[in-house]
N, C-alpha and C. Protein backbone atom coordinates (compact mmCIF):
# COMPACT_ATOMS: atom_id res chain seq x y z
N MET A 1 24.57 -8.21 3.15
CA MET A 1 24.83 -7.03 2.35
C MET A 1 23.58 -6.15 2.36
N ALA A 2 23.71 -4.94 2.78
CA ALA A 2 22.60 -4.00 2.79
C ALA A 2 22.53 -3.29 1.45
N GLY A 3 21.32 -3.06 0.98
CA GLY A 3 21.14 -2.37 -0.29
C GLY A 3 20.23 -1.18 -0.11
N GLY A 4 20.75 0.03 -0.22
CA GLY A 4 19.92 1.21 -0.08
C GLY A 4 19.41 1.34 1.34
N TRP A 5 18.10 1.52 1.47
CA TRP A 5 17.49 1.70 2.78
C TRP A 5 17.10 0.38 3.43
N ALA A 6 17.24 -0.72 2.70
CA ALA A 6 16.84 -2.02 3.24
C ALA A 6 17.86 -2.49 4.27
N LYS A 7 17.36 -3.12 5.31
CA LYS A 7 18.27 -3.68 6.31
C LYS A 7 18.89 -4.96 5.77
N ASP A 8 19.89 -5.50 6.47
CA ASP A 8 20.52 -6.74 6.05
C ASP A 8 19.48 -7.85 6.00
N GLY A 9 19.43 -8.54 4.87
CA GLY A 9 18.48 -9.64 4.71
C GLY A 9 17.07 -9.18 4.39
N GLY A 10 16.87 -7.89 4.18
CA GLY A 10 15.53 -7.36 3.92
C GLY A 10 14.92 -7.90 2.64
N VAL A 11 15.72 -8.04 1.59
CA VAL A 11 15.22 -8.55 0.32
C VAL A 11 14.79 -10.00 0.47
N SER A 12 15.60 -10.78 1.16
CA SER A 12 15.25 -12.18 1.40
C SER A 12 13.95 -12.29 2.20
N GLU A 13 13.78 -11.42 3.18
CA GLU A 13 12.55 -11.43 3.97
C GLU A 13 11.34 -11.12 3.11
N GLN A 14 11.49 -10.18 2.17
CA GLN A 14 10.39 -9.84 1.27
C GLN A 14 10.03 -11.01 0.38
N ILE A 15 11.03 -11.69 -0.14
CA ILE A 15 10.78 -12.84 -1.01
C ILE A 15 10.09 -13.94 -0.22
N GLU A 16 10.58 -14.23 0.98
CA GLU A 16 9.97 -15.27 1.81
C GLU A 16 8.54 -14.90 2.19
N ALA A 17 8.29 -13.63 2.48
CA ALA A 17 6.94 -13.19 2.83
C ALA A 17 6.00 -13.33 1.63
N SER A 18 6.48 -12.99 0.43
CA SER A 18 5.66 -13.13 -0.77
C SER A 18 5.32 -14.59 -1.03
N ILE A 19 6.29 -15.47 -0.87
CA ILE A 19 6.05 -16.90 -1.05
C ILE A 19 5.07 -17.40 0.00
N GLY A 20 5.24 -16.98 1.24
CA GLY A 20 4.33 -17.38 2.31
C GLY A 20 2.90 -16.90 2.05
N ASP A 21 2.75 -15.68 1.55
CA ASP A 21 1.42 -15.15 1.22
C ASP A 21 0.76 -15.98 0.14
N GLU A 22 1.52 -16.33 -0.89
CA GLU A 22 0.97 -17.12 -1.99
C GLU A 22 0.60 -18.53 -1.54
N LEU A 23 1.44 -19.14 -0.70
CA LEU A 23 1.12 -20.47 -0.19
C LEU A 23 -0.14 -20.44 0.67
N ALA A 24 -0.29 -19.42 1.49
CA ALA A 24 -1.49 -19.29 2.32
C ALA A 24 -2.72 -19.10 1.44
N ARG A 25 -2.59 -18.33 0.36
CA ARG A 25 -3.71 -18.13 -0.55
C ARG A 25 -4.11 -19.44 -1.23
N MET A 26 -3.12 -20.23 -1.62
CA MET A 26 -3.40 -21.50 -2.28
C MET A 26 -4.04 -22.49 -1.32
N LYS A 27 -3.57 -22.52 -0.07
CA LYS A 27 -4.15 -23.44 0.92
C LYS A 27 -5.58 -23.06 1.29
N ALA A 28 -5.92 -21.78 1.16
CA ALA A 28 -7.26 -21.32 1.52
C ALA A 28 -8.29 -21.63 0.44
N ARG A 29 -7.85 -22.05 -0.73
CA ARG A 29 -8.78 -22.39 -1.80
C ARG A 29 -9.65 -23.56 -1.37
N LYS A 30 -10.87 -23.54 -1.82
CA LYS A 30 -11.79 -24.63 -1.51
C LYS A 30 -11.39 -25.87 -2.28
N VAL A 31 -11.35 -26.99 -1.59
CA VAL A 31 -11.03 -28.25 -2.22
C VAL A 31 -12.33 -28.88 -2.72
N PRO A 32 -12.39 -29.27 -4.00
CA PRO A 32 -13.62 -29.86 -4.51
C PRO A 32 -13.94 -31.17 -3.78
N GLN A 33 -15.22 -31.34 -3.49
CA GLN A 33 -15.66 -32.55 -2.83
C GLN A 33 -16.91 -33.05 -3.51
N GLY A 34 -17.18 -34.32 -3.36
CA GLY A 34 -18.39 -34.89 -3.94
C GLY A 34 -18.11 -35.66 -5.21
N GLU A 35 -19.17 -36.20 -5.77
CA GLU A 35 -19.04 -37.00 -6.98
C GLU A 35 -18.93 -36.13 -8.22
N SER A 36 -18.32 -36.69 -9.23
CA SER A 36 -18.21 -35.99 -10.51
C SER A 36 -19.56 -36.02 -11.22
N PHE A 37 -19.79 -34.99 -12.03
CA PHE A 37 -21.00 -34.96 -12.85
C PHE A 37 -20.85 -35.99 -13.97
N THR A 38 -21.95 -36.54 -14.43
CA THR A 38 -21.90 -37.45 -15.58
C THR A 38 -22.01 -36.68 -16.88
N HIS A 39 -22.60 -35.47 -16.83
CA HIS A 39 -22.74 -34.62 -18.01
C HIS A 39 -22.20 -33.23 -17.68
N CYS A 40 -21.65 -32.58 -18.69
CA CYS A 40 -21.04 -31.27 -18.55
C CYS A 40 -22.06 -30.24 -18.06
N ALA A 41 -21.66 -29.38 -17.16
CA ALA A 41 -22.53 -28.36 -16.61
C ALA A 41 -22.81 -27.24 -17.62
N GLU A 42 -21.98 -27.11 -18.65
CA GLU A 42 -22.18 -26.05 -19.64
C GLU A 42 -22.84 -26.53 -20.92
N CYS A 43 -22.29 -27.58 -21.53
CA CYS A 43 -22.81 -28.02 -22.83
C CYS A 43 -23.68 -29.27 -22.72
N GLU A 44 -23.73 -29.88 -21.57
CA GLU A 44 -24.55 -31.07 -21.27
C GLU A 44 -24.15 -32.30 -22.07
N GLU A 45 -22.94 -32.32 -22.61
CA GLU A 45 -22.41 -33.52 -23.26
C GLU A 45 -21.91 -34.47 -22.18
N PRO A 46 -21.92 -35.78 -22.43
CA PRO A 46 -21.42 -36.73 -21.43
C PRO A 46 -19.92 -36.51 -21.16
N ILE A 47 -19.54 -36.66 -19.90
CA ILE A 47 -18.13 -36.55 -19.51
C ILE A 47 -17.56 -37.97 -19.49
N ALA A 48 -16.41 -38.15 -20.11
CA ALA A 48 -15.79 -39.47 -20.20
C ALA A 48 -15.55 -40.04 -18.80
N GLU A 49 -15.75 -41.33 -18.66
CA GLU A 49 -15.59 -41.98 -17.35
C GLU A 49 -14.16 -41.84 -16.83
N ALA A 50 -13.19 -41.94 -17.72
CA ALA A 50 -11.79 -41.81 -17.29
C ALA A 50 -11.55 -40.44 -16.67
N ARG A 51 -12.15 -39.39 -17.23
CA ARG A 51 -12.01 -38.04 -16.68
C ARG A 51 -12.70 -37.93 -15.32
N ARG A 52 -13.89 -38.53 -15.19
CA ARG A 52 -14.62 -38.48 -13.93
C ARG A 52 -13.87 -39.18 -12.81
N VAL A 53 -13.16 -40.26 -13.16
CA VAL A 53 -12.38 -41.00 -12.16
C VAL A 53 -11.10 -40.25 -11.81
N ALA A 54 -10.46 -39.64 -12.83
CA ALA A 54 -9.17 -38.98 -12.63
C ALA A 54 -9.29 -37.66 -11.87
N VAL A 55 -10.38 -36.91 -12.12
CA VAL A 55 -10.53 -35.59 -11.51
C VAL A 55 -11.70 -35.62 -10.53
N VAL A 56 -11.40 -35.34 -9.27
CA VAL A 56 -12.43 -35.36 -8.23
C VAL A 56 -13.46 -34.26 -8.49
N SER A 57 -14.71 -34.60 -8.45
CA SER A 57 -15.86 -33.69 -8.60
C SER A 57 -15.78 -32.81 -9.84
N VAL A 58 -15.41 -33.41 -10.96
CA VAL A 58 -15.34 -32.67 -12.23
C VAL A 58 -16.75 -32.28 -12.66
N THR A 59 -16.89 -31.07 -13.20
CA THR A 59 -18.20 -30.59 -13.64
C THR A 59 -18.23 -30.26 -15.12
N LEU A 60 -17.06 -30.14 -15.75
CA LEU A 60 -16.99 -29.74 -17.16
C LEU A 60 -16.31 -30.80 -18.00
N CYS A 61 -16.75 -30.90 -19.27
CA CYS A 61 -16.05 -31.79 -20.21
C CYS A 61 -14.71 -31.15 -20.58
N ILE A 62 -13.89 -31.90 -21.27
CA ILE A 62 -12.55 -31.42 -21.61
C ILE A 62 -12.61 -30.17 -22.48
N GLU A 63 -13.52 -30.14 -23.47
CA GLU A 63 -13.61 -29.00 -24.38
C GLU A 63 -13.98 -27.72 -23.62
N CYS A 64 -15.01 -27.81 -22.76
CA CYS A 64 -15.43 -26.63 -22.00
C CYS A 64 -14.36 -26.19 -21.01
N GLN A 65 -13.66 -27.15 -20.40
CA GLN A 65 -12.59 -26.81 -19.46
C GLN A 65 -11.46 -26.11 -20.19
N ASN A 66 -11.12 -26.58 -21.40
CA ASN A 66 -10.06 -25.94 -22.18
C ASN A 66 -10.44 -24.52 -22.55
N GLU A 67 -11.71 -24.28 -22.89
CA GLU A 67 -12.16 -22.92 -23.19
C GLU A 67 -12.03 -22.03 -21.95
N ARG A 68 -12.43 -22.56 -20.82
CA ARG A 68 -12.37 -21.78 -19.58
C ARG A 68 -10.91 -21.52 -19.18
N ASP A 69 -10.03 -22.50 -19.37
CA ASP A 69 -8.62 -22.32 -19.01
C ASP A 69 -7.95 -21.28 -19.90
N GLY A 70 -8.47 -21.08 -21.11
CA GLY A 70 -7.90 -20.09 -22.02
C GLY A 70 -8.14 -18.67 -21.56
N VAL A 71 -9.12 -18.46 -20.68
CA VAL A 71 -9.42 -17.13 -20.16
C VAL A 71 -8.44 -16.82 -19.04
N VAL A 72 -7.70 -15.73 -19.18
CA VAL A 72 -6.70 -15.37 -18.19
C VAL A 72 -7.34 -14.46 -17.14
N LYS A 73 -7.21 -14.86 -15.89
CA LYS A 73 -7.70 -14.03 -14.80
C LYS A 73 -6.50 -13.29 -14.22
N THR A 74 -6.54 -11.97 -14.27
CA THR A 74 -5.43 -11.19 -13.76
C THR A 74 -5.64 -10.88 -12.28
N ARG A 75 -4.56 -10.88 -11.57
CA ARG A 75 -4.57 -10.51 -10.16
C ARG A 75 -3.72 -9.26 -10.02
N GLY A 76 -4.02 -8.48 -9.02
CA GLY A 76 -3.23 -7.28 -8.78
C GLY A 76 -1.81 -7.63 -8.42
N GLY A 77 -0.85 -7.06 -9.10
CA GLY A 77 0.55 -7.34 -8.83
C GLY A 77 1.15 -6.29 -7.91
N ILE A 78 0.57 -6.12 -6.77
CA ILE A 78 1.02 -5.08 -5.85
C ILE A 78 1.99 -5.69 -4.85
N ASN A 79 3.15 -5.08 -4.75
CA ASN A 79 4.13 -5.51 -3.76
C ASN A 79 3.87 -4.71 -2.50
N ARG A 80 3.21 -5.34 -1.52
CA ARG A 80 2.85 -4.62 -0.30
C ARG A 80 4.04 -4.41 0.63
N ARG A 81 5.13 -5.07 0.39
CA ARG A 81 6.26 -5.01 1.31
C ARG A 81 7.25 -3.90 0.95
N GLY A 82 7.07 -3.26 -0.18
CA GLY A 82 7.99 -2.19 -0.59
C GLY A 82 8.22 -2.27 -2.07
N SER A 83 8.57 -1.18 -2.68
CA SER A 83 8.80 -1.19 -4.11
C SER A 83 10.28 -1.41 -4.42
N LYS A 84 10.53 -1.88 -5.62
CA LYS A 84 11.91 -2.13 -6.06
C LYS A 84 12.70 -0.82 -6.07
N ASP A 85 12.06 0.28 -6.48
CA ASP A 85 12.74 1.56 -6.57
C ASP A 85 13.27 2.01 -5.20
N SER A 86 12.52 1.73 -4.14
CA SER A 86 12.97 2.17 -2.81
C SER A 86 14.20 1.40 -2.36
N GLN A 87 14.44 0.23 -2.94
CA GLN A 87 15.58 -0.57 -2.54
C GLN A 87 16.83 -0.28 -3.38
N LEU A 88 16.65 0.44 -4.48
CA LEU A 88 17.79 0.69 -5.37
C LEU A 88 18.54 1.97 -5.04
N LYS A 89 18.06 2.76 -4.10
CA LYS A 89 18.70 4.03 -3.76
C LYS A 89 19.98 3.82 -3.02
């Protein structure tokens, strides 16, 4: 089914391309390596042994990590493949 100026299957191609872009971005992230810290890099409190074993190369205690996770990092929500408005005509 064609919608507006989009060719048949164009919307599906856009969705698949967006998913592929996000997967490539996630795979490109650096994987932590090395031993876990014994003390937090921010507050210098000891990091529990169970956390050091469970999380590879952990650097922060649970409290500091929770504070950092509370900070929202925004990314640009730009649809490079076309806008929704162009497909609704």
